[in-house]
Amino acid sequence: MDININNEILAVVTLKENAVKVAGGAPIFLVEDEKELKEITMLLARITLGMVHDLKNGVYILVRH
């Protein structure tokens, strides 16, 4: 049986006010407002071919499944 770890967090995008809530090894993008949050998240998803997950606290993660 071959087991691989394919899931990985590619990036975290959040509002600047949430900067203290995020840390780790993935790139973290801090944005000014909700509009920029959605724009940057969608652009990064297209570029990386990742899936966007909204954590419902002003933090989005991009994951490759």
PDB file of N, CA and C in Angstrom:
ATOM      1  N   MET A   1       0.851  -1.174   0.000  1.00  0.00           N
ATOM      2  CA  MET A   1       0.000   0.000   0.000  1.00  0.00           C
ATOM      3  C   MET A   1       0.896   1.237   0.000  1.00  0.00           C
ATOM      4  N   ASP A   2       0.606   2.143  -0.918  1.00  0.00           N
ATOM      5  CA  ASP A   2       1.381   3.376  -1.038  1.00  0.00           C
ATOM      6  C   ASP A   2       0.582   4.515  -0.419  1.00  0.00           C
ATOM      7  N   ILE A   3       1.126   5.157   0.587  1.00  0.00           N
ATOM      8  CA  ILE A   3       0.449   6.260   1.265  1.00  0.00           C
ATOM      9  C   ILE A   3       1.266   7.532   1.052  1.00  0.00           C
ATOM     10  N   ASN A   4       0.612   8.551   0.523  1.00  0.00           N
ATOM     11  CA  ASN A   4       1.259   9.838   0.293  1.00  0.00           C
ATOM     12  C   ASN A   4       0.478  10.935   0.990  1.00  0.00           C
ATOM     13  N   ILE A   5       1.192  11.953   1.406  1.00  0.00           N
ATOM     14  CA  ILE A   5       0.526  13.143   1.936  1.00  0.00           C
ATOM     15  C   ILE A   5       0.436  14.131   0.788  1.00  0.00           C
ATOM     16  N   ASN A   6      -0.766  14.321   0.276  1.00  0.00           N
ATOM     17  CA  ASN A   6      -0.965  15.208  -0.867  1.00  0.00           C
ATOM     18  C   ASN A   6      -1.529  16.563  -0.464  1.00  0.00           C
ATOM     19  N   ASN A   7      -2.152  16.638   0.670  1.00  0.00           N
ATOM     20  CA  ASN A   7      -2.757  17.889   1.106  1.00  0.00           C
ATOM     21  C   ASN A   7      -1.697  18.783   1.722  1.00  0.00           C
ATOM     22  N   GLU A   8      -1.711  20.031   1.292  1.00  0.00           N
ATOM     23  CA  GLU A   8      -0.779  20.980   1.877  1.00  0.00           C
ATOM     24  C   GLU A   8      -1.391  22.379   1.838  1.00  0.00           C
ATOM     25  N   ILE A   9      -1.112  23.144   2.869  1.00  0.00           N
ATOM     26  CA  ILE A   9      -1.567  24.529   2.903  1.00  0.00           C
ATOM     27  C   ILE A   9      -0.579  25.356   2.090  1.00  0.00           C
ATOM     28  N   LEU A  10      -1.097  26.013   1.063  1.00  0.00           N
ATOM     29  CA  LEU A  10      -0.260  26.803   0.171  1.00  0.00           C
ATOM     30  C   LEU A  10      -0.070  28.227   0.672  1.00  0.00           C
ATOM     31  N   ALA A  11      -1.110  28.793   1.289  1.00  0.00           N
ATOM     32  CA  ALA A  11      -1.048  30.177   1.749  1.00  0.00           C
ATOM     33  C   ALA A  11      -2.182  30.455   2.722  1.00  0.00           C
ATOM     34  N   VAL A  12      -1.993  31.504   3.494  1.00  0.00           N
ATOM     35  CA  VAL A  12      -3.023  32.013   4.403  1.00  0.00           C
ATOM     36  C   VAL A  12      -3.232  33.479   4.042  1.00  0.00           C
ATOM     37  N   VAL A  13      -4.497  33.880   3.893  1.00  0.00           N
ATOM     38  CA  VAL A  13      -4.821  35.277   3.597  1.00  0.00           C
ATOM     39  C   VAL A  13      -5.757  35.769   4.682  1.00  0.00           C
ATOM     40  N   THR A  14      -5.410  36.896   5.283  1.00  0.00           N
ATOM     41  CA  THR A  14      -6.230  37.408   6.373  1.00  0.00           C
ATOM     42  C   THR A  14      -6.126  38.927   6.445  1.00  0.00           C
ATOM     43  N   LEU A  15      -7.036  39.515   7.197  1.00  0.00           N
ATOM     44  CA  LEU A  15      -6.997  40.955   7.440  1.00  0.00           C
ATOM     45  C   LEU A  15      -5.828  41.282   8.364  1.00  0.00           C
ATOM     46  N   LYS A  16      -5.259  42.475   8.207  1.00  0.00           N
ATOM     47  CA  LYS A  16      -4.129  42.884   9.055  1.00  0.00           C
ATOM     48  C   LYS A  16      -4.477  42.796  10.531  1.00  0.00           C
ATOM     49  N   GLU A  17      -5.728  43.076  10.865  1.00  0.00           N
ATOM     50  CA  GLU A  17      -6.145  43.029  12.267  1.00  0.00           C
ATOM     51  C   GLU A  17      -6.089  41.621  12.855  1.00  0.00           C
ATOM     52  N   ASN A  18      -6.046  40.598  11.996  1.00  0.00           N
ATOM     53  CA  ASN A  18      -5.975  39.209  12.444  1.00  0.00           C
ATOM     54  C   ASN A  18      -4.558  38.657  12.432  1.00  0.00           C
ATOM     55  N   ALA A  19      -3.581  39.504  12.242  1.00  0.00           N
ATOM     56  CA  ALA A  19      -2.196  39.042  12.097  1.00  0.00           C
ATOM     57  C   ALA A  19      -1.730  38.206  13.285  1.00  0.00           C
ATOM     58  N   VAL A  20      -2.218  38.496  14.471  1.00  0.00           N
ATOM     59  CA  VAL A  20      -1.786  37.740  15.652  1.00  0.00           C
ATOM     60  C   VAL A  20      -2.438  36.359  15.725  1.00  0.00           C
ATOM     61  N   LYS A  21      -3.440  36.108  14.876  1.00  0.00           N
ATOM     62  CA  LYS A  21      -4.143  34.822  14.888  1.00  0.00           C
ATOM     63  C   LYS A  21      -3.495  33.778  13.985  1.00  0.00           C
ATOM     64  N   VAL A  22      -2.574  34.190  13.126  1.00  0.00           N
ATOM     65  CA  VAL A  22      -1.996  33.257  12.160  1.00  0.00           C
ATOM     66  C   VAL A  22      -0.484  33.160  12.312  1.00  0.00           C
ATOM     67  N   ALA A  23       0.022  31.961  12.105  1.00  0.00           N
ATOM     68  CA  ALA A  23       1.462  31.714  12.138  1.00  0.00           C
ATOM     69  C   ALA A  23       1.711  30.376  11.468  1.00  0.00           C
ATOM     70  N   GLY A  24       2.935  30.090  11.182  1.00  0.00           N
ATOM     71  CA  GLY A  24       3.256  28.784  10.615  1.00  0.00           C
ATOM     72  C   GLY A  24       4.191  28.873   9.439  1.00  0.00           C
ATOM     73  N   GLY A  25       4.289  27.772   8.713  1.00  0.00           N
ATOM     74  CA  GLY A  25       5.241  27.675   7.630  1.00  0.00           C
ATOM     75  C   GLY A  25       4.734  28.116   6.278  1.00  0.00           C
ATOM     76  N   ALA A  26       3.437  28.327   6.127  1.00  0.00           N
ATOM     77  CA  ALA A  26       2.884  28.756   4.840  1.00  0.00           C
ATOM     78  C   ALA A  26       3.009  30.279   4.713  1.00  0.00           C
ATOM     79  N   PRO A  27       3.109  30.780   3.479  1.00  0.00           N
ATOM     80  CA  PRO A  27       3.119  32.233   3.284  1.00  0.00           C
ATOM     81  C   PRO A  27       1.833  32.859   3.814  1.00  0.00           C
ATOM     82  N   ILE A  28       1.957  33.996   4.476  1.00  0.00           N
ATOM     83  CA  ILE A  28       0.811  34.697   5.048  1.00  0.00           C
ATOM     84  C   ILE A  28       0.685  36.045   4.361  1.00  0.00           C
ATOM     85  N   PHE A  29      -0.493  36.304   3.791  1.00  0.00           N
ATOM     86  CA  PHE A  29      -0.763  37.568   3.123  1.00  0.00           C
ATOM     87  C   PHE A  29      -1.717  38.376   3.988  1.00  0.00           C
ATOM     88  N   LEU A  30      -1.303  39.580   4.371  1.00  0.00           N
ATOM     89  CA  LEU A  30      -2.128  40.465   5.183  1.00  0.00           C
ATOM     90  C   LEU A  30      -2.722  41.539   4.284  1.00  0.00           C
ATOM     91  N   VAL A  31      -4.033  41.718   4.367  1.00  0.00           N
ATOM     92  CA  VAL A  31      -4.732  42.669   3.503  1.00  0.00           C
ATOM     93  C   VAL A  31      -5.497  43.687   4.342  1.00  0.00           C
ATOM     94  N   GLU A  32      -5.907  44.760   3.690  1.00  0.00           N
ATOM     95  CA  GLU A  32      -6.541  45.895   4.372  1.00  0.00           C
ATOM     96  C   GLU A  32      -8.015  45.700   4.691  1.00  0.00           C
ATOM     97  N   ASP A  33      -8.781  45.114   3.740  1.00  0.00           N
ATOM     98  CA  ASP A  33     -10.230  45.044   3.930  1.00  0.00           C
ATOM     99  C   ASP A  33     -10.802  43.780   3.297  1.00  0.00           C
ATOM    100  N   GLU A  34     -12.111  43.581   3.470  1.00  0.00           N
ATOM    101  CA  GLU A  34     -12.791  42.377   2.978  1.00  0.00           C
ATOM    102  C   GLU A  34     -12.705  42.247   1.455  1.00  0.00           C
ATOM    103  N   LYS A  35     -12.829  43.364   0.739  1.00  0.00           N
ATOM    104  CA  LYS A  35     -12.762  43.324  -0.717  1.00  0.00           C
ATOM    105  C   LYS A  35     -11.405  42.807  -1.167  1.00  0.00           C
ATOM    106  N   GLU A  36     -10.338  43.359  -0.609  1.00  0.00           N
ATOM    107  CA  GLU A  36      -8.992  42.914  -0.963  1.00  0.00           C
ATOM    108  C   GLU A  36      -8.763  41.464  -0.528  1.00  0.00           C
ATOM    109  N   LEU A  37      -9.340  41.079   0.593  1.00  0.00           N
ATOM    110  CA  LEU A  37      -9.222  39.706   1.091  1.00  0.00           C
ATOM    111  C   LEU A  37      -9.742  38.718   0.048  1.00  0.00           C
ATOM    112  N   LYS A  38     -10.920  38.993  -0.492  1.00  0.00           N
ATOM    113  CA  LYS A  38     -11.518  38.097  -1.486  1.00  0.00           C
ATOM    114  C   LYS A  38     -10.765  38.131  -2.811  1.00  0.00           C
ATOM    115  N   GLU A  39     -10.331  39.325  -3.233  1.00  0.00           N
ATOM    116  CA  GLU A  39      -9.599  39.449  -4.487  1.00  0.00           C
ATOM    117  C   GLU A  39      -8.278  38.686  -4.450  1.00  0.00           C
ATOM    118  N   ILE A  40      -7.486  38.919  -3.417  1.00  0.00           N
ATOM    119  CA  ILE A  40      -6.175  38.273  -3.305  1.00  0.00           C
ATOM    120  C   ILE A  40      -6.330  36.768  -3.166  1.00  0.00           C
ATOM    121  N   THR A  41      -7.306  36.350  -2.379  1.00  0.00           N
ATOM    122  CA  THR A  41      -7.532  34.911  -2.196  1.00  0.00           C
ATOM    123  C   THR A  41      -7.869  34.237  -3.518  1.00  0.00           C
ATOM    124  N   MET A  42      -8.765  34.829  -4.294  1.00  0.00           N
ATOM    125  CA  MET A  42      -9.156  34.231  -5.570  1.00  0.00           C
ATOM    126  C   MET A  42      -8.004  34.239  -6.571  1.00  0.00           C
ATOM    127  N   LEU A  43      -7.233  35.316  -6.608  1.00  0.00           N
ATOM    128  CA  LEU A  43      -6.085  35.364  -7.515  1.00  0.00           C
ATOM    129  C   LEU A  43      -5.052  34.299  -7.152  1.00  0.00           C
ATOM    130  N   LEU A  44      -4.755  34.161  -5.879  1.00  0.00           N
ATOM    131  CA  LEU A  44      -3.802  33.138  -5.444  1.00  0.00           C
ATOM    132  C   LEU A  44      -4.304  31.733  -5.756  1.00  0.00           C
ATOM    133  N   ALA A  45      -5.602  31.524  -5.612  1.00  0.00           N
ATOM    134  CA  ALA A  45      -6.174  30.211  -5.926  1.00  0.00           C
ATOM    135  C   ALA A  45      -5.991  29.891  -7.402  1.00  0.00           C
ATOM    136  N   ARG A  46      -6.210  30.856  -8.267  1.00  0.00           N
ATOM    137  CA  ARG A  46      -6.027  30.633  -9.698  1.00  0.00           C
ATOM    138  C   ARG A  46      -4.560  30.355 -10.038  1.00  0.00           C
ATOM    139  N   ILE A  47      -3.675  31.125  -9.446  1.00  0.00           N
ATOM    140  CA  ILE A  47      -2.248  30.977  -9.738  1.00  0.00           C
ATOM    141  C   ILE A  47      -1.711  29.636  -9.254  1.00  0.00           C
ATOM    142  N   THR A  48      -2.121  29.218  -8.064  1.00  0.00           N
ATOM    143  CA  THR A  48      -1.576  27.998  -7.461  1.00  0.00           C
ATOM    144  C   THR A  48      -2.404  26.752  -7.759  1.00  0.00           C
ATOM    145  N   LEU A  49      -3.568  26.943  -8.383  1.00  0.00           N
ATOM    146  CA  LEU A  49      -4.522  25.850  -8.623  1.00  0.00           C
ATOM    147  C   LEU A  49      -4.963  25.222  -7.303  1.00  0.00           C
ATOM    148  N   GLY A  50      -5.049  26.053  -6.273  1.00  0.00           N
ATOM    149  CA  GLY A  50      -5.465  25.593  -4.952  1.00  0.00           C
ATOM    150  C   GLY A  50      -6.941  25.821  -4.706  1.00  0.00           C
ATOM    151  N   MET A  51      -7.435  25.196  -3.667  1.00  0.00           N
ATOM    152  CA  MET A  51      -8.822  25.356  -3.235  1.00  0.00           C
ATOM    153  C   MET A  51      -8.859  26.335  -2.068  1.00  0.00           C
ATOM    154  N   VAL A  52      -9.872  27.186  -2.052  1.00  0.00           N
ATOM    155  CA  VAL A  52     -10.018  28.179  -0.987  1.00  0.00           C
ATOM    156  C   VAL A  52     -10.955  27.642   0.082  1.00  0.00           C
ATOM    157  N   HIS A  53     -10.556  27.813   1.330  1.00  0.00           N
ATOM    158  CA  HIS A  53     -11.399  27.442   2.462  1.00  0.00           C
ATOM    159  C   HIS A  53     -11.517  28.663   3.380  1.00  0.00           C
ATOM    160  N   ASP A  54     -12.755  29.079   3.626  1.00  0.00           N
ATOM    161  CA  ASP A  54     -13.047  30.209   4.503  1.00  0.00           C
ATOM    162  C   ASP A  54     -13.217  29.677   5.921  1.00  0.00           C
ATOM    163  N   LEU A  55     -12.375  30.119   6.835  1.00  0.00           N
ATOM    164  CA  LEU A  55     -12.459  29.662   8.221  1.00  0.00           C
ATOM    165  C   LEU A  55     -13.486  30.460   9.028  1.00  0.00           C
ATOM    166  N   LYS A  56     -14.189  31.377   8.371  1.00  0.00           N
ATOM    167  CA  LYS A  56     -15.297  32.151   8.962  1.00  0.00           C
ATOM    168  C   LYS A  56     -14.867  33.075  10.099  1.00  0.00           C
ATOM    169  N   ASN A  57     -13.582  33.394  10.175  1.00  0.00           N
ATOM    170  CA  ASN A  57     -13.111  34.324  11.193  1.00  0.00           C
ATOM    171  C   ASN A  57     -12.208  35.379  10.569  1.00  0.00           C
ATOM    172  N   GLY A  58     -12.415  35.636   9.267  1.00  0.00           N
ATOM    173  CA  GLY A  58     -11.577  36.595   8.564  1.00  0.00           C
ATOM    174  C   GLY A  58     -10.290  35.988   8.059  1.00  0.00           C
ATOM    175  N   VAL A  59     -10.184  34.664   8.096  1.00  0.00           N
ATOM    176  CA  VAL A  59      -8.994  33.960   7.629  1.00  0.00           C
ATOM    177  C   VAL A  59      -9.399  32.978   6.529  1.00  0.00           C
ATOM    178  N   TYR A  60      -8.696  33.038   5.409  1.00  0.00           N
ATOM    179  CA  TYR A  60      -8.872  32.084   4.330  1.00  0.00           C
ATOM    180  C   TYR A  60      -7.578  31.300   4.183  1.00  0.00           C
ATOM    181  N   ILE A  61      -7.690  30.007   3.872  1.00  0.00           N
ATOM    182  CA  ILE A  61      -6.509  29.219   3.567  1.00  0.00           C
ATOM    183  C   ILE A  61      -6.644  28.661   2.159  1.00  0.00           C
ATOM    184  N   LEU A  62      -5.520  28.548   1.472  1.00  0.00           N
ATOM    185  CA  LEU A  62      -5.483  27.905   0.169  1.00  0.00           C
ATOM    186  C   LEU A  62      -4.791  26.569   0.348  1.00  0.00           C
ATOM    187  N   VAL A  63      -5.452  25.517  -0.123  1.00  0.00           N
ATOM    188  CA  VAL A  63      -4.971  24.168   0.084  1.00  0.00           C
ATOM    189  C   VAL A  63      -4.907  23.438  -1.243  1.00  0.00           C
ATOM    190  N   ARG A  64      -3.874  22.657  -1.423  1.00  0.00           N
ATOM    191  CA  ARG A  64      -3.814  21.763  -2.573  1.00  0.00           C
ATOM    192  C   ARG A  64      -4.234  20.389  -2.098  1.00  0.00           C
ATOM    193  N   HIS A  65      -5.288  19.847  -2.709  1.00  0.00           N
ATOM    194  CA  HIS A  65      -5.804  18.517  -2.335  1.00  0.00           C
ATOM    195  C   HIS A  65      -5.236  17.476  -3.269  1.00  0.00           C
TER     196      HIS A  65
END
